[in-house]
Protein backbone atom coordinates (compact mmCIF):
# COMPACT_ATOMS: atom_id res chain seq x y z
CA MET A 1 15.24 26.02 4.29
CA SER A 2 13.09 28.60 6.08
CA ARG A 3 10.58 29.28 3.32
CA CYS A 4 9.54 28.17 -0.14
CA ASP A 5 8.86 30.59 -2.96
CA PHE A 6 7.25 27.99 -5.21
CA LYS A 7 5.33 24.89 -4.19
CA ILE A 8 5.34 21.92 -6.56
CA VAL A 9 3.31 18.75 -5.99
CA LEU A 10 3.86 15.40 -7.69
CA LEU A 11 0.81 13.28 -8.46
CA GLY A 12 0.45 9.90 -10.08
CA SER A 13 -0.26 6.25 -9.47
CA GLU A 14 1.89 3.92 -7.41
CA HIS A 15 5.19 2.75 -8.85
CA VAL A 16 5.37 5.30 -11.69
CA GLY A 17 8.62 6.68 -10.26
CA LYS A 18 7.64 9.92 -8.52
CA THR A 19 10.07 9.44 -5.64
CA SER A 20 12.90 8.50 -8.01
CA LEU A 21 12.21 11.65 -10.02
CA VAL A 22 12.43 13.87 -6.95
CA LEU A 23 15.61 12.24 -5.66
CA ARG A 24 17.29 12.52 -9.07
CA PHE A 25 16.42 16.22 -9.18
CA VAL A 26 17.28 17.14 -5.60
CA SER A 27 20.20 14.80 -4.90
CA CYS A 28 21.39 13.81 -8.40
CA ARG A 29 21.20 10.13 -7.47
CA PHE A 30 19.30 7.02 -8.46
CA ASN A 31 18.94 3.82 -6.44
CA ALA A 32 18.73 0.90 -8.85
CA THR A 33 19.13 -1.89 -6.28
CA THR A 34 16.90 -1.08 -3.31
CA PRO A 35 13.19 -0.55 -4.06
CA TYR A 36 11.61 2.54 -2.53
CA GLN A 37 8.94 2.11 0.11
CA ASN A 38 5.51 3.46 -0.81
CA THR A 39 5.07 7.09 0.18
CA ILE A 40 2.49 7.64 2.93
CA GLY A 41 0.79 11.02 2.74
CA ALA A 42 3.59 13.06 1.21
CA ALA A 43 7.36 13.44 1.44
CA PHE A 44 8.99 16.87 1.25
CA CYS A 45 12.20 17.99 -0.45
CA ALA A 46 13.55 21.43 -1.33
CA LYS A 47 16.11 22.93 -3.66
CA THR A 48 17.28 26.39 -4.71
CA MET A 49 16.79 27.17 -8.40
CA TYR A 50 17.84 30.20 -10.43
CA VAL A 51 16.07 32.24 -13.08
CA ASN A 52 18.14 35.01 -14.69
CA GLY A 53 20.54 34.82 -11.76
CA LYS A 54 17.79 35.26 -9.16
CA PRO A 55 17.42 32.49 -6.55
CA PHE A 56 14.12 30.83 -5.75
CA ASN A 57 13.53 28.25 -3.03
CA VAL A 58 11.43 25.43 -4.46
CA GLY A 59 9.48 23.09 -2.20
CA ILE A 60 8.45 19.73 -3.67
CA TRP A 61 5.76 17.49 -2.18
CA ASP A 62 5.93 13.90 -3.40
CA THR A 63 2.41 12.59 -2.73
CA ALA A 64 1.27 9.01 -2.23
CA GLY A 65 -0.15 7.26 -5.28
CA SER A 66 -2.16 4.62 -3.45
CA GLU A 67 -5.93 5.07 -3.50
CA ARG A 68 -6.15 4.39 0.24
CA TYR A 69 -4.13 7.56 0.97
CA GLU A 70 -6.05 9.88 -1.37
CA ALA A 71 -8.04 11.64 1.35
CA MET A 72 -4.77 12.34 3.16
CA THR A 73 -2.84 13.59 0.14
CA ARG A 74 -5.44 16.13 -1.02
CA MET A 75 -4.35 18.51 1.73
CA TYR A 76 -0.94 18.83 0.09
CA TYR A 77 -2.43 20.24 -3.12
CA ARG A 78 -3.49 23.48 -1.47
CA GLY A 79 -1.26 26.42 -2.27
CA ALA A 80 0.58 24.58 -5.05
CA HIS A 81 1.88 26.80 -7.83
CA ALA A 82 2.62 23.84 -10.10
CA ALA A 83 1.85 20.14 -10.31
CA ILE A 84 3.65 17.31 -12.10
CA ILE A 85 1.34 14.44 -12.99
CA CYS A 86 3.47 11.37 -13.63
CA TYR A 87 2.65 8.32 -15.71
CA GLU A 88 4.63 5.41 -17.11
CA PRO A 89 4.47 5.16 -20.93
CA SER A 90 4.68 1.37 -20.72
CA CYS A 91 1.73 1.13 -18.31
CA ILE A 92 -1.66 2.08 -19.72
CA GLN A 93 -3.23 1.86 -16.26
CA SER A 94 -1.07 4.73 -15.02
CA TRP A 95 -2.24 6.85 -17.96
CA ALA A 96 -5.90 5.97 -17.33
CA ARG A 97 -5.62 7.56 -13.87
CA LEU A 98 -4.31 10.88 -15.20
CA ARG A 99 -7.74 12.45 -15.61
CA HIS A 100 -8.58 11.46 -12.04
CA TRP A 101 -5.46 13.17 -10.65
CA LEU A 102 -6.15 16.31 -12.67
CA GLN A 103 -9.74 16.52 -11.45
CA GLU A 104 -8.61 16.00 -7.87
CA LEU A 105 -6.09 18.81 -8.21
CA ARG A 106 -8.54 21.23 -9.85
CA THR A 107 -11.06 20.85 -7.04
CA VAL A 108 -8.47 22.18 -4.60
CA GLU A 109 -6.17 24.44 -6.66
CA GLU A 110 -7.89 25.59 -9.85
CA ASP A 111 -5.11 27.88 -11.11
CA CYS A 112 -2.22 25.49 -10.51
CA LYS A 113 0.08 25.01 -13.52
CA VAL A 114 0.05 21.39 -14.67
CA TYR A 115 2.85 19.45 -16.38
CA LEU A 116 2.75 15.86 -17.63
CA CYS A 117 5.77 13.67 -16.99
CA GLY A 118 6.37 10.32 -18.64
CA THR A 119 8.86 8.40 -16.50
CA LYS A 120 11.35 5.55 -17.06
CA LYS A 121 12.36 6.66 -20.56
CA ASP A 122 15.48 4.52 -20.28
CA LEU A 123 13.31 1.38 -20.27
CA LEU A 124 11.74 2.41 -23.58
CA ASP A 125 15.09 3.37 -25.10
CA SER A 126 16.61 0.00 -24.22
CA ALA A 127 13.48 -1.91 -25.32
CA ILE A 128 13.13 -3.42 -21.85
CA SER A 129 9.59 -2.08 -21.78
CA LYS A 130 7.14 -1.63 -24.62
CA ARG A 131 5.15 1.57 -25.04
CA GLU A 132 1.46 1.15 -24.20
CA VAL A 133 0.42 4.82 -24.25
CA PRO A 134 0.28 6.15 -27.85
CA GLU A 135 2.27 9.33 -28.43
CA ASP A 136 -0.55 11.03 -30.35
CA ILE A 137 -2.90 10.63 -27.38
CA ILE A 138 -0.29 12.16 -25.08
CA GLU A 139 0.26 15.09 -27.43
CA THR A 140 -3.47 15.80 -27.69
CA TYR A 141 -4.04 15.58 -23.95
CA SER A 142 -1.08 17.78 -23.04
CA GLN A 143 -2.10 20.65 -25.34
CA GLY A 144 -4.30 22.20 -22.67
CA LEU A 145 -1.58 21.95 -20.04
CA HIS A 146 1.76 23.70 -19.50
CA GLY A 147 4.05 21.05 -20.92
CA HIS A 148 5.01 17.41 -21.32
CA PHE A 149 8.39 15.86 -20.57
CA LEU A 150 9.62 12.31 -21.07
CA THR A 151 12.18 11.67 -18.34
CA SER A 152 14.57 9.08 -16.98
CA SER A 153 15.47 9.20 -13.30
CA LYS A 154 18.15 6.59 -13.96
CA THR A 155 20.07 8.65 -16.54
CA GLY A 156 18.79 12.07 -15.47
CA GLU A 157 17.48 12.83 -18.95
CA ASN A 158 15.07 15.80 -19.00
CA VAL A 159 14.71 15.86 -15.21
CA GLU A 160 16.48 19.17 -14.66
CA GLU A 161 14.81 20.59 -17.76
CA LEU A 162 11.35 19.76 -16.39
CA PHE A 163 11.88 21.53 -13.08
CA GLN A 164 13.70 24.45 -14.66
CA LYS A 165 10.75 25.03 -17.01
CA ILE A 166 8.36 25.00 -14.07
CA VAL A 167 10.40 27.52 -12.09
CA GLU A 168 10.79 29.79 -15.11
CA ASP A 169 7.04 29.67 -15.76
CA CYS A 170 6.30 30.50 -12.13
CA ALA A 171 8.82 33.34 -12.12
CA ALA A 172 7.16 34.78 -15.24
CA ASP A 173 3.68 34.64 -13.71
CA ILE A 174 2.80 38.04 -12.24
CA ARG A 175 0.14 36.53 -9.96
CA VAL A 176 2.56 33.98 -8.53
CA MET A 177 5.33 36.51 -8.06
CA LYS A 178 2.94 38.81 -6.20
CA ASP A 179 2.31 36.00 -3.72
CA VAL A 180 6.06 35.38 -3.40
CA GLU A 181 6.78 39.05 -2.76
CA GLU A 182 4.03 39.31 -0.14
CA THR A 183 5.44 36.26 1.64
CA ARG A 184 8.96 37.68 1.59
CA VAL A 185 7.77 41.03 2.95
CA GLN A 186 5.88 39.32 5.77
CA LEU A 187 8.89 37.16 6.63
CA GLN A 188 11.08 40.25 6.77
CA ARG A 189 8.59 41.93 9.09
CA ASP A 190 8.63 38.88 11.34
CA GLU A 191 12.43 38.93 11.42
CA ASP A 192 12.43 42.65 12.28
CA LYS A 193 10.02 42.02 15.15
CA LYS A 194 12.27 39.30 16.52
CA ARG A 195 15.23 41.67 16.51
CA ASP A 196 13.17 44.37 18.24
CA TYR A 197 12.41 41.98 21.10
CA CYS A 198 16.02 40.85 21.46
CA PHE A 199 17.71 42.67 24.33
CA CYS A 200 21.01 40.77 24.22
C-alpha cells in the first residue's frame, strides 16, 4: 500500500490482546494455539475500508506494551488520527494503566481521537475469566472519549464495528479530511513529476 489516509495506533499493556485484535481485523484470523511474541517498538498492518462507497487506506500501528519499550513507541503516536487504548476487563492492572497511555498520547498528539477497547470478551461470556473492572467505571471514563467497544478477537465480535466507527469518524472530520486531501494532491504531483522525467 503506497499511502495511508488514516493512521490508527493501538496502545495498552502487555498481553491485553492488541496484536490479536489487529490480526482479526486485517486477516480475519485468530491463533489460539501459538502465543504471540511481544511486540518490539511497533508492528504495522494496513487495510482498505469504505465509507459511503469511498475507499480509505487505513494504517494501523500495533505498539509495544512493555514499559521498557515506551521511549521507542512514543514516536509512533505522531500523526495518528485515532488511537485504540486496549484493556482486559478481567485484569484490573491493565485498566490502571489506561490513564498513563492516554497522557502519553496527549503529549504527542493532542487532537487524536481516542477509543477504549475491552478485549477477550469471549472469556467473560464463557465465565473462564471474572470481570475485575466495574462497568460503571468504564462508562464514566469513556464519556469524554470517542467510544468504547467490548471485543473478542477469537469470535470477531465487535472488531469490525470498532474499526468501522473509527474510519467513519475520521471521514466525517473536516480537519482530518483536509490533511488527507493535501496528502493525495501531493502524491499526485509526485507521480506527475515522475512521468515527466520518464523518457521511455
